[in-house]
Amino acid sequence: MTAIRIVIGVVITAIAIVALVPMFVLLDLAGGGDGLGLCSGGLASCGTSYFDGPELLGILVVVLFLLLMLLRSAFHVRSLVEQRREEEALDPSMRGRDRLGGL
């Protein structure tokens, strides 16, 4: 169960980092950098094509979608483990119906 929680935490952290990539690129460009490789000579000599922005956006959307699918899968596995743990805690003869013994 702890491993699933760790996976969920790592995936949420990865989603936050991927979502913040455009901000890091803009901060790097504003600070005189190359925008994490987007503009090799800085903002003044940036000669990118029209497709660089949409390509970066598409890549980020696909990565976020995959991470969200992984997060959904981790939550599903966690619920299955909790459900199995609940079923094992109950008496096999009762199967969760009459837990209070005839009340």
C-alpha atoms as a PDB file:
ATOM      1  CA  MET A   1       0.000   0.000   0.000  1.00  0.00           C
ATOM      2  CA  THR A   2       2.855   2.361   0.771  1.00  0.00           C
ATOM      3  CA  ALA A   3       4.398   1.718  -2.638  1.00  0.00           C
ATOM      4  CA  ILE A   4       1.164   2.764  -4.324  1.00  0.00           C
ATOM      5  CA  ARG A   5       1.119   5.997  -2.325  1.00  0.00           C
ATOM      6  CA  ILE A   6       4.713   6.682  -3.333  1.00  0.00           C
ATOM      7  CA  VAL A   7       3.830   6.098  -7.004  1.00  0.00           C
ATOM      8  CA  ILE A   8       0.869   8.462  -6.688  1.00  0.00           C
ATOM      9  CA  GLY A   9       3.084  11.135  -5.130  1.00  0.00           C
ATOM     10  CA  VAL A  10       5.747  10.754  -7.816  1.00  0.00           C
ATOM     11  CA  VAL A  11       3.163  10.952 -10.613  1.00  0.00           C
ATOM     12  CA  ILE A  12       1.554  14.078  -9.122  1.00  0.00           C
ATOM     13  CA  THR A  13       4.993  15.678  -8.806  1.00  0.00           C
ATOM     14  CA  ALA A  14       5.779  14.770 -12.424  1.00  0.00           C
ATOM     15  CA  ILE A  15       2.480  16.292 -13.573  1.00  0.00           C
ATOM     16  CA  ALA A  16       3.303  19.535 -11.756  1.00  0.00           C
ATOM     17  CA  ILE A  17       6.805  19.655 -13.261  1.00  0.00           C
ATOM     18  CA  VAL A  18       5.560  18.979 -16.804  1.00  0.00           C
ATOM     19  CA  ALA A  19       2.853  21.616 -16.415  1.00  0.00           C
ATOM     20  CA  LEU A  20       5.470  24.166 -15.309  1.00  0.00           C
ATOM     21  CA  VAL A  21       7.860  23.572 -18.246  1.00  0.00           C
ATOM     22  CA  PRO A  22       6.492  26.521 -20.305  1.00  0.00           C
ATOM     23  CA  MET A  23       7.054  28.834 -17.342  1.00  0.00           C
ATOM     24  CA  PHE A  24      10.643  27.609 -16.984  1.00  0.00           C
ATOM     25  CA  VAL A  25      11.227  28.233 -20.695  1.00  0.00           C
ATOM     26  CA  LEU A  26       9.880  31.782 -20.439  1.00  0.00           C
ATOM     27  CA  LEU A  27      11.871  32.517 -17.289  1.00  0.00           C
ATOM     28  CA  ASP A  28      15.031  31.242 -18.960  1.00  0.00           C
ATOM     29  CA  LEU A  29      14.388  33.400 -22.035  1.00  0.00           C
ATOM     30  CA  ALA A  30      13.665  36.460 -19.888  1.00  0.00           C
ATOM     31  CA  GLY A  31      16.893  35.905 -17.993  1.00  0.00           C
ATOM     32  CA  GLY A  32      18.946  35.914 -21.184  1.00  0.00           C
ATOM     33  CA  GLY A  33      19.145  32.170 -21.631  1.00  0.00           C
ATOM     34  CA  ASP A  34      18.315  30.036 -24.621  1.00  0.00           C
ATOM     35  CA  GLY A  35      14.851  28.947 -23.429  1.00  0.00           C
ATOM     36  CA  LEU A  36      15.966  25.420 -22.586  1.00  0.00           C
ATOM     37  CA  GLY A  37      17.244  24.966 -26.119  1.00  0.00           C
ATOM     38  CA  LEU A  38      14.325  26.602 -27.903  1.00  0.00           C
ATOM     39  CA  CYS A  39      16.317  29.665 -29.042  1.00  0.00           C
ATOM     40  CA  SER A  40      19.996  28.840 -29.363  1.00  0.00           C
ATOM     41  CA  GLY A  41      21.187  32.463 -29.517  1.00  0.00           C
ATOM     42  CA  GLY A  42      18.828  33.963 -26.956  1.00  0.00           C
ATOM     43  CA  LEU A  43      15.580  35.847 -27.461  1.00  0.00           C
ATOM     44  CA  ALA A  44      17.037  38.559 -29.727  1.00  0.00           C
ATOM     45  CA  SER A  45      18.263  36.082 -32.327  1.00  0.00           C
ATOM     46  CA  CYS A  46      15.482  33.529 -31.958  1.00  0.00           C
ATOM     47  CA  GLY A  47      14.624  32.163 -35.365  1.00  0.00           C
ATOM     48  CA  THR A  48      12.154  29.427 -34.658  1.00  0.00           C
ATOM     49  CA  SER A  49       9.530  28.162 -37.054  1.00  0.00           C
ATOM     50  CA  TYR A  50       5.815  28.492 -36.601  1.00  0.00           C
ATOM     51  CA  PHE A  51       5.588  24.867 -35.549  1.00  0.00           C
ATOM     52  CA  ASP A  52       7.972  24.925 -32.554  1.00  0.00           C
ATOM     53  CA  GLY A  53       5.350  26.256 -30.134  1.00  0.00           C
ATOM     54  CA  PRO A  54       2.541  23.920 -31.195  1.00  0.00           C
ATOM     55  CA  GLU A  55       4.986  21.007 -31.262  1.00  0.00           C
ATOM     56  CA  LEU A  56       6.061  21.742 -27.687  1.00  0.00           C
ATOM     57  CA  LEU A  57       2.419  22.108 -26.681  1.00  0.00           C
ATOM     58  CA  GLY A  58       1.526  18.787 -28.318  1.00  0.00           C
ATOM     59  CA  ILE A  59       4.368  16.990 -26.589  1.00  0.00           C
ATOM     60  CA  LEU A  60       3.388  18.451 -23.219  1.00  0.00           C
ATOM     61  CA  VAL A  61      -0.274  17.503 -23.718  1.00  0.00           C
ATOM     62  CA  VAL A  62       0.641  13.913 -24.627  1.00  0.00           C
ATOM     63  CA  VAL A  63       2.974  13.587 -21.647  1.00  0.00           C
ATOM     64  CA  LEU A  64       0.353  15.060 -19.294  1.00  0.00           C
ATOM     65  CA  PHE A  65      -2.278  12.704 -20.700  1.00  0.00           C
ATOM     66  CA  LEU A  66      -0.023   9.687 -20.146  1.00  0.00           C
ATOM     67  CA  LEU A  67       0.778  10.810 -16.608  1.00  0.00           C
ATOM     68  CA  LEU A  68      -2.922  11.295 -15.862  1.00  0.00           C
ATOM     69  CA  MET A  69      -3.625   7.783 -17.166  1.00  0.00           C
ATOM     70  CA  LEU A  70      -0.892   6.452 -14.887  1.00  0.00           C
ATOM     71  CA  LEU A  71      -2.358   8.372 -11.948  1.00  0.00           C
ATOM     72  CA  ARG A  72      -5.825   6.993 -12.680  1.00  0.00           C
ATOM     73  CA  SER A  73      -4.388   3.475 -12.831  1.00  0.00           C
ATOM     74  CA  ALA A  74      -2.607   3.947  -9.501  1.00  0.00           C
ATOM     75  CA  PHE A  75      -5.818   5.133  -7.844  1.00  0.00           C
ATOM     76  CA  HIS A  76      -7.668   2.145  -9.304  1.00  0.00           C
ATOM     77  CA  VAL A  77      -5.044  -0.283  -7.995  1.00  0.00           C
ATOM     78  CA  ARG A  78      -5.213   1.409  -4.600  1.00  0.00           C
ATOM     79  CA  SER A  79      -9.001   0.988  -4.452  1.00  0.00           C
ATOM     80  CA  LEU A  80      -8.696  -2.684  -5.459  1.00  0.00           C
ATOM     81  CA  VAL A  81      -6.147  -3.296  -2.709  1.00  0.00           C
ATOM     82  CA  GLU A  82      -8.365  -1.562  -0.134  1.00  0.00           C
ATOM     83  CA  GLN A  83     -11.397  -3.537  -1.280  1.00  0.00           C
ATOM     84  CA  ARG A  84      -9.505  -6.824  -1.055  1.00  0.00           C
ATOM     85  CA  ARG A  85      -8.217  -5.889   2.402  1.00  0.00           C
ATOM     86  CA  GLU A  86     -11.779  -5.165   3.574  1.00  0.00           C
ATOM     87  CA  GLU A  87     -13.050  -8.487   2.216  1.00  0.00           C
ATOM     88  CA  GLU A  88     -10.263 -10.399   3.958  1.00  0.00           C
ATOM     89  CA  ALA A  89     -11.035  -8.661   7.253  1.00  0.00           C
ATOM     90  CA  LEU A  90     -14.628  -9.894   7.218  1.00  0.00           C
ATOM     91  CA  ASP A  91     -15.571 -13.381   8.284  1.00  0.00           C
ATOM     92  CA  PRO A  92     -15.729 -15.575   5.158  1.00  0.00           C
ATOM     93  CA  SER A  93     -19.064 -17.082   6.191  1.00  0.00           C
ATOM     94  CA  MET A  94     -20.763 -13.675   6.461  1.00  0.00           C
ATOM     95  CA  ARG A  95     -19.298 -12.026   3.362  1.00  0.00           C
ATOM     96  CA  GLY A  96     -20.055  -8.602   4.831  1.00  0.00           C
ATOM     97  CA  ARG A  97     -23.795  -9.047   5.203  1.00  0.00           C
ATOM     98  CA  ASP A  98     -24.659  -9.676   8.806  1.00  0.00           C
ATOM     99  CA  ARG A  99     -21.680  -8.187  10.625  1.00  0.00           C
ATOM    100  CA  LEU A 100     -23.446  -7.527  13.910  1.00  0.00           C
ATOM    101  CA  GLY A 101     -24.452 -11.137  14.435  1.00  0.00           C
ATOM    102  CA  GLY A 102     -28.178 -11.225  13.787  1.00  0.00           C
ATOM    103  CA  LEU A 103     -29.290  -7.639  14.400  1.00  0.00           C
END
